[in-house]
Amino acid sequence: MSLLHFLPGVVKELAKHVPDLALEVTDWRGVSRDIPVISHRWLTGAGIQELRRAHEHKIGAFVEFSSGPGPTSADLPTKEKGDAILKLYFAQLYVPEGLFFDLRDQHFDWKEGKLLFAPNGLWYRLSDAFRTGILTVYQGFYRGDEKLFEEGLVATGLLDRSWSQEDQSEIKNLFRSHFGESLDRDMVFGLAGFQESFLKIFQFLVRKKIKLSSEFMVFGICLVTLYLALEKGAFAHAVRSIFLEVDQFMQGRKEEIPSPLSP
């Protein structure tokens, strides 16, 4: 029986959007360790209040938690709401204590220019190495810094400098293609395009016989929920500007939150 059988139903449903090939490059020892923890948090709500307090302290500029049982309004998606969800997605990567990885639209309200968030029990603490590695990938890409972009891919295990220059260029180009038009124009999010580009990445990693940290499973599901939320409105989002806004704000608070470039 697959270990995925023991995941909460909502996670199994979301995991269906991740290419099956991803399972071939995942470290299953890590998955077997993570699944009981994720399931326990989902069933009991363990750690939610502590993580909410960490978010309120560190990224409260980007989110306000709902005091009720969950969003109740039937508001339609708006570009402003989508922008705010995207900012929250990026901002969570600066919180060492963990991230809420179910960012589907149903967990958010948009009232009077504020994003109200009622997270469920799906949260996860990324290792500092992985979290800062992902941040470095984004920083390198959106700042146009090739060296930083490469460092982030190396830190997350997605690129090995012992590979041939051809292979190193291929994986970097696959990620540039995945980010798509978000570098120089506004981006419309579509889950089908996300799945197609990630499938190509996983095909490359299988060919290179790479095993990725189990953290990629959770991070991939988080991305799926982000795409599900944003494709609902079909608005074009200025992703580069949004990331740089969040990054600049969080770098301004680096005395409280270590920079992803810190050793």
C-alpha atoms as a PDB file:
ATOM      1  CA  MET A   1       0.000   0.000   0.000  1.00  0.00           C
ATOM      2  CA  SER A   2       1.346   3.435  -0.931  1.00  0.00           C
ATOM      3  CA  LEU A   3       2.371   5.755   1.884  1.00  0.00           C
ATOM      4  CA  LEU A   4       0.183   8.399   0.247  1.00  0.00           C
ATOM      5  CA  HIS A   5      -2.810   6.334   1.392  1.00  0.00           C
ATOM      6  CA  PHE A   6      -2.191   7.611   4.922  1.00  0.00           C
ATOM      7  CA  LEU A   7      -2.294  11.289   3.986  1.00  0.00           C
ATOM      8  CA  PRO A   8      -5.383  13.330   4.879  1.00  0.00           C
ATOM      9  CA  GLY A   9      -7.976  13.166   2.109  1.00  0.00           C
ATOM     10  CA  VAL A  10      -7.560  16.799   1.144  1.00  0.00           C
ATOM     11  CA  VAL A  11      -3.799  16.328   0.635  1.00  0.00           C
ATOM     12  CA  LYS A  12      -4.317  13.203  -1.468  1.00  0.00           C
ATOM     13  CA  GLU A  13      -6.769  15.144  -3.621  1.00  0.00           C
ATOM     14  CA  LEU A  14      -4.309  17.998  -4.095  1.00  0.00           C
ATOM     15  CA  ALA A  15      -1.413  15.585  -4.729  1.00  0.00           C
ATOM     16  CA  LYS A  16      -3.276  14.299  -7.795  1.00  0.00           C
ATOM     17  CA  HIS A  17      -2.326  17.548  -9.520  1.00  0.00           C
ATOM     18  CA  VAL A  18       1.392  16.803  -9.069  1.00  0.00           C
ATOM     19  CA  PRO A  19       2.861  14.702 -11.936  1.00  0.00           C
ATOM     20  CA  ASP A  20       3.185  11.009 -11.033  1.00  0.00           C
ATOM     21  CA  LEU A  21       6.796  11.171 -12.154  1.00  0.00           C
ATOM     22  CA  ALA A  22       7.489  13.319  -9.095  1.00  0.00           C
ATOM     23  CA  LEU A  23       7.129  10.218  -6.946  1.00  0.00           C
ATOM     24  CA  GLU A  24      10.096   8.638  -8.719  1.00  0.00           C
ATOM     25  CA  VAL A  25      12.447  11.417  -7.645  1.00  0.00           C
ATOM     26  CA  THR A  26      11.198  11.756  -4.053  1.00  0.00           C
ATOM     27  CA  ASP A  27      13.077  10.496  -1.013  1.00  0.00           C
ATOM     28  CA  TRP A  28      10.475   8.175   0.494  1.00  0.00           C
ATOM     29  CA  ARG A  29      12.273   7.871   3.801  1.00  0.00           C
ATOM     30  CA  GLY A  30      11.497  11.524   4.363  1.00  0.00           C
ATOM     31  CA  VAL A  31       7.913  11.090   3.197  1.00  0.00           C
ATOM     32  CA  SER A  32       7.384   8.231   5.659  1.00  0.00           C
ATOM     33  CA  ARG A  33       8.620  10.527   8.431  1.00  0.00           C
ATOM     34  CA  ASP A  34       6.490  13.504   7.376  1.00  0.00           C
ATOM     35  CA  ILE A  35       3.127  11.832   6.725  1.00  0.00           C
ATOM     36  CA  PRO A  36       2.275  10.996  10.378  1.00  0.00           C
ATOM     37  CA  VAL A  37       3.217  14.550  11.427  1.00  0.00           C
ATOM     38  CA  ILE A  38       1.087  16.184   8.710  1.00  0.00           C
ATOM     39  CA  SER A  39      -1.856  13.893   9.487  1.00  0.00           C
ATOM     40  CA  HIS A  40      -1.646  14.596  13.220  1.00  0.00           C
ATOM     41  CA  ARG A  41      -1.682  18.354  12.654  1.00  0.00           C
ATOM     42  CA  TRP A  42      -4.624  18.040  10.275  1.00  0.00           C
ATOM     43  CA  LEU A  43      -6.658  15.978  12.735  1.00  0.00           C
ATOM     44  CA  THR A  44      -5.824  17.894  15.917  1.00  0.00           C
ATOM     45  CA  GLY A  45      -4.971  21.413  14.813  1.00  0.00           C
ATOM     46  CA  ALA A  46      -1.650  21.122  16.614  1.00  0.00           C
ATOM     47  CA  GLY A  47       0.651  24.082  16.135  1.00  0.00           C
ATOM     48  CA  ILE A  48      -1.803  26.291  14.227  1.00  0.00           C
ATOM     49  CA  GLN A  49      -2.043  29.013  16.854  1.00  0.00           C
ATOM     50  CA  GLU A  50       1.714  29.126  17.376  1.00  0.00           C
ATOM     51  CA  LEU A  51       2.327  29.443  13.641  1.00  0.00           C
ATOM     52  CA  ARG A  52      -0.347  32.116  13.329  1.00  0.00           C
ATOM     53  CA  ARG A  53       1.423  34.161  15.993  1.00  0.00           C
ATOM     54  CA  ALA A  54       4.743  33.777  14.167  1.00  0.00           C
ATOM     55  CA  HIS A  55       3.114  34.962  10.946  1.00  0.00           C
ATOM     56  CA  GLU A  56       1.391  37.878  12.625  1.00  0.00           C
ATOM     57  CA  HIS A  57       4.719  38.995  14.073  1.00  0.00           C
ATOM     58  CA  LYS A  58       6.846  38.515  10.967  1.00  0.00           C
ATOM     59  CA  ILE A  59       4.569  38.914   7.937  1.00  0.00           C
ATOM     60  CA  GLY A  60       1.515  40.601   9.383  1.00  0.00           C
ATOM     61  CA  ALA A  61       1.857  43.294   6.716  1.00  0.00           C
ATOM     62  CA  PHE A  62       0.666  40.739   4.150  1.00  0.00           C
ATOM     63  CA  VAL A  63      -2.147  38.903   5.931  1.00  0.00           C
ATOM     64  CA  GLU A  64      -4.741  39.170   8.669  1.00  0.00           C
ATOM     65  CA  PHE A  65      -6.082  35.999  10.196  1.00  0.00           C
ATOM     66  CA  SER A  66      -9.818  35.529  10.362  1.00  0.00           C
ATOM     67  CA  SER A  67     -11.189  35.307  13.897  1.00  0.00           C
ATOM     68  CA  GLY A  68     -14.188  33.272  12.775  1.00  0.00           C
ATOM     69  CA  PRO A  69     -14.473  29.634  11.679  1.00  0.00           C
ATOM     70  CA  GLY A  70     -13.573  30.541   8.100  1.00  0.00           C
ATOM     71  CA  PRO A  71     -14.396  32.884   5.244  1.00  0.00           C
ATOM     72  CA  THR A  72     -18.121  33.375   4.875  1.00  0.00           C
ATOM     73  CA  SER A  73     -18.411  35.828   2.019  1.00  0.00           C
ATOM     74  CA  ALA A  74     -19.159  34.663  -1.491  1.00  0.00           C
ATOM     75  CA  ASP A  75     -16.983  37.342  -3.045  1.00  0.00           C
ATOM     76  CA  LEU A  76     -15.786  36.753  -6.578  1.00  0.00           C
ATOM     77  CA  PRO A  77     -12.062  36.650  -7.311  1.00  0.00           C
ATOM     78  CA  THR A  78     -10.465  40.021  -7.941  1.00  0.00           C
ATOM     79  CA  LYS A  79      -7.027  40.966  -9.177  1.00  0.00           C
ATOM     80  CA  GLU A  80      -6.295  42.679  -5.858  1.00  0.00           C
ATOM     81  CA  LYS A  81      -7.215  39.560  -3.904  1.00  0.00           C
ATOM     82  CA  GLY A  82      -5.052  37.406  -6.179  1.00  0.00           C
ATOM     83  CA  ASP A  83      -2.130  39.804  -5.780  1.00  0.00           C
ATOM     84  CA  ALA A  84      -2.517  39.581  -2.005  1.00  0.00           C
ATOM     85  CA  ILE A  85      -2.540  35.757  -2.041  1.00  0.00           C
ATOM     86  CA  LEU A  86       0.608  35.801  -4.176  1.00  0.00           C
ATOM     87  CA  LYS A  87       2.287  38.181  -1.717  1.00  0.00           C
ATOM     88  CA  LEU A  88       1.368  35.871   1.142  1.00  0.00           C
ATOM     89  CA  TYR A  89       2.812  32.887  -0.739  1.00  0.00           C
ATOM     90  CA  PHE A  90       6.164  34.641  -1.120  1.00  0.00           C
ATOM     91  CA  ALA A  91       6.108  36.123   2.390  1.00  0.00           C
ATOM     92  CA  GLN A  92       5.618  32.729   4.024  1.00  0.00           C
ATOM     93  CA  LEU A  93       9.018  31.663   2.698  1.00  0.00           C
ATOM     94  CA  TYR A  94      10.594  34.161   5.104  1.00  0.00           C
ATOM     95  CA  VAL A  95       9.039  32.508   8.171  1.00  0.00           C
ATOM     96  CA  PRO A  96      11.358  29.809   9.574  1.00  0.00           C
ATOM     97  CA  GLU A  97       8.629  28.464  11.867  1.00  0.00           C
ATOM     98  CA  GLY A  98       6.603  27.069   8.954  1.00  0.00           C
ATOM     99  CA  LEU A  99       4.095  27.753   6.222  1.00  0.00           C
ATOM    100  CA  PHE A 100       0.412  27.030   5.729  1.00  0.00           C
ATOM    101  CA  PHE A 101       0.479  25.114   2.477  1.00  0.00           C
ATOM    102  CA  ASP A 102      -3.201  25.071   1.493  1.00  0.00           C
ATOM    103  CA  LEU A 103      -3.683  28.422  -0.240  1.00  0.00           C
ATOM    104  CA  ARG A 104      -6.886  27.648  -2.108  1.00  0.00           C
ATOM    105  CA  ASP A 105      -9.287  30.535  -2.588  1.00  0.00           C
ATOM    106  CA  GLN A 106     -11.867  29.145  -0.169  1.00  0.00           C
ATOM    107  CA  HIS A 107      -9.599  29.949   2.776  1.00  0.00           C
ATOM    108  CA  PHE A 108      -9.512  33.674   2.002  1.00  0.00           C
ATOM    109  CA  ASP A 109     -11.803  36.677   2.205  1.00  0.00           C
ATOM    110  CA  TRP A 110     -11.053  40.080   0.701  1.00  0.00           C
ATOM    111  CA  LYS A 111     -12.635  42.843   2.756  1.00  0.00           C
ATOM    112  CA  GLU A 112     -11.874  46.561   2.658  1.00  0.00           C
ATOM    113  CA  GLY A 113      -8.519  45.987   1.009  1.00  0.00           C
ATOM    114  CA  LYS A 114      -7.424  43.333   3.511  1.00  0.00           C
ATOM    115  CA  LEU A 115      -6.685  39.654   2.933  1.00  0.00           C
ATOM    116  CA  LEU A 116      -8.378  37.590   5.643  1.00  0.00           C
ATOM    117  CA  PHE A 117      -7.009  34.072   5.999  1.00  0.00           C
ATOM    118  CA  ALA A 118      -8.595  31.132   7.808  1.00  0.00           C
ATOM    119  CA  PRO A 119      -5.968  28.376   7.419  1.00  0.00           C
ATOM    120  CA  ASN A 120      -6.739  24.742   7.978  1.00  0.00           C
ATOM    121  CA  GLY A 121      -4.409  22.348   9.786  1.00  0.00           C
ATOM    122  CA  LEU A 122      -2.128  21.779   6.808  1.00  0.00           C
ATOM    123  CA  TRP A 123       1.181  23.349   7.750  1.00  0.00           C
ATOM    124  CA  TYR A 124       4.791  22.317   7.437  1.00  0.00           C
ATOM    125  CA  ARG A 125       8.191  23.534   8.578  1.00  0.00           C
ATOM    126  CA  LEU A 126      10.676  23.591   5.724  1.00  0.00           C
ATOM    127  CA  SER A 127      14.321  23.115   6.631  1.00  0.00           C
ATOM    128  CA  ASP A 128      16.259  26.379   6.637  1.00  0.00           C
ATOM    129  CA  ALA A 129      18.514  25.064   3.847  1.00  0.00           C
ATOM    130  CA  PHE A 130      15.584  24.261   1.561  1.00  0.00           C
ATOM    131  CA  ARG A 131      13.570  27.369   2.418  1.00  0.00           C
ATOM    132  CA  THR A 132      16.455  29.760   1.852  1.00  0.00           C
ATOM    133  CA  GLY A 133      17.433  27.831  -1.265  1.00  0.00           C
ATOM    134  CA  ILE A 134      13.983  28.392  -2.784  1.00  0.00           C
ATOM    135  CA  LEU A 135      14.162  32.064  -1.828  1.00  0.00           C
ATOM    136  CA  THR A 136      17.564  32.351  -3.475  1.00  0.00           C
ATOM    137  CA  VAL A 137      16.173  30.832  -6.691  1.00  0.00           C
ATOM    138  CA  TYR A 138      13.424  33.474  -6.726  1.00  0.00           C
ATOM    139  CA  GLN A 139      15.830  36.271  -5.841  1.00  0.00           C
ATOM    140  CA  GLY A 140      18.274  35.265  -8.539  1.00  0.00           C
ATOM    141  CA  PHE A 141      15.582  34.943 -11.184  1.00  0.00           C
ATOM    142  CA  TYR A 142      13.618  38.115 -10.448  1.00  0.00           C
ATOM    143  CA  ARG A 143      16.712  40.235  -9.795  1.00  0.00           C
ATOM    144  CA  GLY A 144      18.315  38.993 -12.999  1.00  0.00           C
ATOM    145  CA  ASP A 145      21.284  37.602 -11.041  1.00  0.00           C
ATOM    146  CA  GLU A 146      22.454  34.426 -12.810  1.00  0.00           C
ATOM    147  CA  LYS A 147      24.966  33.495 -10.086  1.00  0.00           C
ATOM    148  CA  LEU A 148      22.330  33.749  -7.352  1.00  0.00           C
ATOM    149  CA  PHE A 149      19.820  31.796  -9.449  1.00  0.00           C
ATOM    150  CA  GLU A 150      22.328  28.973  -9.876  1.00  0.00           C
ATOM    151  CA  GLU A 151      23.234  29.001  -6.166  1.00  0.00           C
ATOM    152  CA  GLY A 152      19.580  28.502  -5.273  1.00  0.00           C
ATOM    153  CA  LEU A 153      19.204  25.537  -7.611  1.00  0.00           C
ATOM    154  CA  VAL A 154      22.347  23.969  -6.126  1.00  0.00           C
ATOM    155  CA  ALA A 155      21.143  24.568  -2.546  1.00  0.00           C
ATOM    156  CA  THR A 156      17.830  22.790  -3.213  1.00  0.00           C
ATOM    157  CA  GLY A 157      19.467  19.809  -4.933  1.00  0.00           C
ATOM    158  CA  LEU A 158      18.123  20.700  -8.357  1.00  0.00           C
ATOM    159  CA  LEU A 159      21.516  21.321  -9.934  1.00  0.00           C
ATOM    160  CA  ASP A 160      24.892  19.692  -9.392  1.00  0.00           C
ATOM    161  CA  ARG A 161      28.021  21.544 -10.488  1.00  0.00           C
ATOM    162  CA  SER A 162      29.645  18.212 -11.341  1.00  0.00           C
ATOM    163  CA  TRP A 163      27.187  17.854 -14.230  1.00  0.00           C
ATOM    164  CA  SER A 164      28.204  18.720 -17.736  1.00  0.00           C
ATOM    165  CA  GLN A 165      27.710  22.325 -18.802  1.00  0.00           C
ATOM    166  CA  GLU A 166      25.026  21.082 -21.171  1.00  0.00           C
ATOM    167  CA  ASP A 167      23.027  19.497 -18.334  1.00  0.00           C
ATOM    168  CA  GLN A 168      23.507  22.517 -16.074  1.00  0.00           C
ATOM    169  CA  SER A 169      22.225  24.797 -18.820  1.00  0.00           C
ATOM    170  CA  GLU A 170      19.284  22.475 -19.497  1.00  0.00           C
ATOM    171  CA  ILE A 171      17.964  22.473 -15.929  1.00  0.00           C
ATOM    172  CA  LYS A 172      18.375  26.251 -15.654  1.00  0.00           C
ATOM    173  CA  ASN A 173      16.492  26.731 -18.904  1.00  0.00           C
ATOM    174  CA  LEU A 174      13.729  24.385 -17.735  1.00  0.00           C
ATOM    175  CA  PHE A 175      13.213  26.541 -14.655  1.00  0.00           C
ATOM    176  CA  ARG A 176      13.318  29.729 -16.683  1.00  0.00           C
ATOM    177  CA  SER A 177      10.632  28.214 -18.889  1.00  0.00           C
ATOM    178  CA  HIS A 178       8.633  27.233 -15.794  1.00  0.00           C
ATOM    179  CA  PHE A 179       8.646  30.798 -14.533  1.00  0.00           C
ATOM    180  CA  GLY A 180       7.537  31.737 -18.030  1.00  0.00           C
ATOM    181  CA  GLU A 181       6.536  35.238 -18.883  1.00  0.00           C
ATOM    182  CA  SER A 182       6.554  36.398 -15.246  1.00  0.00           C
ATOM    183  CA  LEU A 183       9.961  38.056 -15.652  1.00  0.00           C
ATOM    184  CA  ASP A 184       9.064  40.737 -18.158  1.00  0.00           C
ATOM    185  CA  ARG A 185       5.271  40.834 -18.280  1.00  0.00           C
ATOM    186  CA  ASP A 186       2.254  40.069 -16.131  1.00  0.00           C
ATOM    187  CA  MET A 187       1.405  36.398 -15.779  1.00  0.00           C
ATOM    188  CA  VAL A 188      -1.919  34.571 -15.961  1.00  0.00           C
ATOM    189  CA  PHE A 189      -1.763  31.440 -13.797  1.00  0.00           C
ATOM    190  CA  GLY A 190      -2.956  28.138 -15.255  1.00  0.00           C
ATOM    191  CA  LEU A 191      -2.588  24.750 -13.564  1.00  0.00           C
ATOM    192  CA  ALA A 192      -2.212  22.878 -16.866  1.00  0.00           C
ATOM    193  CA  GLY A 193       0.835  24.946 -17.829  1.00  0.00           C
ATOM    194  CA  PHE A 194       2.325  24.449 -14.363  1.00  0.00           C
ATOM    195  CA  GLN A 195       1.903  20.683 -14.646  1.00  0.00           C
ATOM    196  CA  GLU A 196       3.418  20.574 -18.122  1.00  0.00           C
ATOM    197  CA  SER A 197       6.528  22.553 -17.178  1.00  0.00           C
ATOM    198  CA  PHE A 198       7.115  20.593 -13.980  1.00  0.00           C
ATOM    199  CA  LEU A 199       6.732  17.313 -15.849  1.00  0.00           C
ATOM    200  CA  LYS A 200       9.683  18.314 -18.040  1.00  0.00           C
ATOM    201  CA  ILE A 201      11.721  19.120 -14.939  1.00  0.00           C
ATOM    202  CA  PHE A 202      10.923  15.749 -13.371  1.00  0.00           C
ATOM    203  CA  GLN A 203      11.771  13.941 -16.614  1.00  0.00           C
ATOM    204  CA  PHE A 204      15.201  15.576 -16.497  1.00  0.00           C
ATOM    205  CA  LEU A 205      15.694  14.654 -12.824  1.00  0.00           C
ATOM    206  CA  VAL A 206      14.700  11.022 -13.429  1.00  0.00           C
ATOM    207  CA  ARG A 207      17.216  10.858 -16.273  1.00  0.00           C
ATOM    208  CA  LYS A 208      19.895  12.211 -13.903  1.00  0.00           C
ATOM    209  CA  LYS A 209      18.788   9.739 -11.187  1.00  0.00           C
ATOM    210  CA  ILE A 210      18.261  12.538  -8.675  1.00  0.00           C
ATOM    211  CA  LYS A 211      16.432  11.982  -5.387  1.00  0.00           C
ATOM    212  CA  LEU A 212      14.781  15.100  -4.000  1.00  0.00           C
ATOM    213  CA  SER A 213      13.992  15.902  -0.403  1.00  0.00           C
ATOM    214  CA  SER A 214      10.478  15.033   0.761  1.00  0.00           C
ATOM    215  CA  GLU A 215      10.053  18.788   1.281  1.00  0.00           C
ATOM    216  CA  PHE A 216       9.438  19.045  -2.454  1.00  0.00           C
ATOM    217  CA  MET A 217       6.211  17.085  -2.038  1.00  0.00           C
ATOM    218  CA  VAL A 218       4.779  19.662   0.361  1.00  0.00           C
ATOM    219  CA  PHE A 219       6.204  22.588  -1.595  1.00  0.00           C
ATOM    220  CA  GLY A 220       4.710  21.178  -4.803  1.00  0.00           C
ATOM    221  CA  ILE A 221       1.281  20.864  -3.192  1.00  0.00           C
ATOM    222  CA  CYS A 222       1.568  24.442  -1.939  1.00  0.00           C
ATOM    223  CA  LEU A 223       2.252  25.590  -5.506  1.00  0.00           C
ATOM    224  CA  VAL A 224      -0.735  23.582  -6.754  1.00  0.00           C
ATOM    225  CA  THR A 225      -3.039  25.348  -4.290  1.00  0.00           C
ATOM    226  CA  LEU A 226      -1.603  28.732  -5.309  1.00  0.00           C
ATOM    227  CA  TYR A 227      -2.275  28.012  -8.971  1.00  0.00           C
ATOM    228  CA  LEU A 228      -5.787  26.746  -8.180  1.00  0.00           C
ATOM    229  CA  ALA A 229      -6.522  30.001  -6.353  1.00  0.00           C
ATOM    230  CA  LEU A 230      -5.090  32.301  -9.003  1.00  0.00           C
ATOM    231  CA  GLU A 231      -6.380  30.576 -12.127  1.00  0.00           C
ATOM    232  CA  LYS A 232      -9.894  30.937 -10.731  1.00  0.00           C
ATOM    233  CA  GLY A 233      -9.836  34.645 -11.475  1.00  0.00           C
ATOM    234  CA  ALA A 234      -7.766  34.411 -14.669  1.00  0.00           C
ATOM    235  CA  PHE A 235      -6.235  37.826 -13.943  1.00  0.00           C
ATOM    236  CA  ALA A 236      -2.740  38.836 -15.036  1.00  0.00           C
ATOM    237  CA  HIS A 237      -0.439  39.354 -12.050  1.00  0.00           C
ATOM    238  CA  ALA A 238       2.809  41.353 -11.979  1.00  0.00           C
ATOM    239  CA  VAL A 239       4.716  38.490 -10.343  1.00  0.00           C
ATOM    240  CA  ARG A 240       8.188  40.012 -10.572  1.00  0.00           C
ATOM    241  CA  SER A 241       7.066  43.310  -9.026  1.00  0.00           C
ATOM    242  CA  ILE A 242       5.121  41.472  -6.331  1.00  0.00           C
ATOM    243  CA  PHE A 243       8.086  39.305  -5.372  1.00  0.00           C
ATOM    244  CA  LEU A 244      10.494  42.244  -5.318  1.00  0.00           C
ATOM    245  CA  GLU A 245       8.059  44.233  -3.149  1.00  0.00           C
ATOM    246  CA  VAL A 246       7.850  41.402  -0.623  1.00  0.00           C
ATOM    247  CA  ASP A 247      11.586  40.739  -0.778  1.00  0.00           C
ATOM    248  CA  GLN A 248      12.473  44.385  -0.214  1.00  0.00           C
ATOM    249  CA  PHE A 249      10.102  44.614   2.747  1.00  0.00           C
ATOM    250  CA  MET A 250      11.410  41.428   4.340  1.00  0.00           C
ATOM    251  CA  GLN A 251      15.052  42.315   3.712  1.00  0.00           C
ATOM    252  CA  GLY A 252      14.317  45.538   5.575  1.00  0.00           C
ATOM    253  CA  ARG A 253      13.447  43.381   8.586  1.00  0.00           C
ATOM    254  CA  LYS A 254      16.482  41.108   8.359  1.00  0.00           C
ATOM    255  CA  GLU A 255      17.461  41.972  11.912  1.00  0.00           C
ATOM    256  CA  GLU A 256      14.435  39.889  12.923  1.00  0.00           C
ATOM    257  CA  ILE A 257      14.397  37.361  10.080  1.00  0.00           C
ATOM    258  CA  PRO A 258      17.745  36.132   8.731  1.00  0.00           C
ATOM    259  CA  SER A 259      18.384  36.845   5.050  1.00  0.00           C
ATOM    260  CA  PRO A 260      18.239  33.799   2.771  1.00  0.00           C
ATOM    261  CA  LEU A 261      21.772  34.724   1.779  1.00  0.00           C
ATOM    262  CA  SER A 262      23.071  34.472   5.348  1.00  0.00           C
ATOM    263  CA  PRO A 263      25.367  31.506   6.114  1.00  0.00           C
END
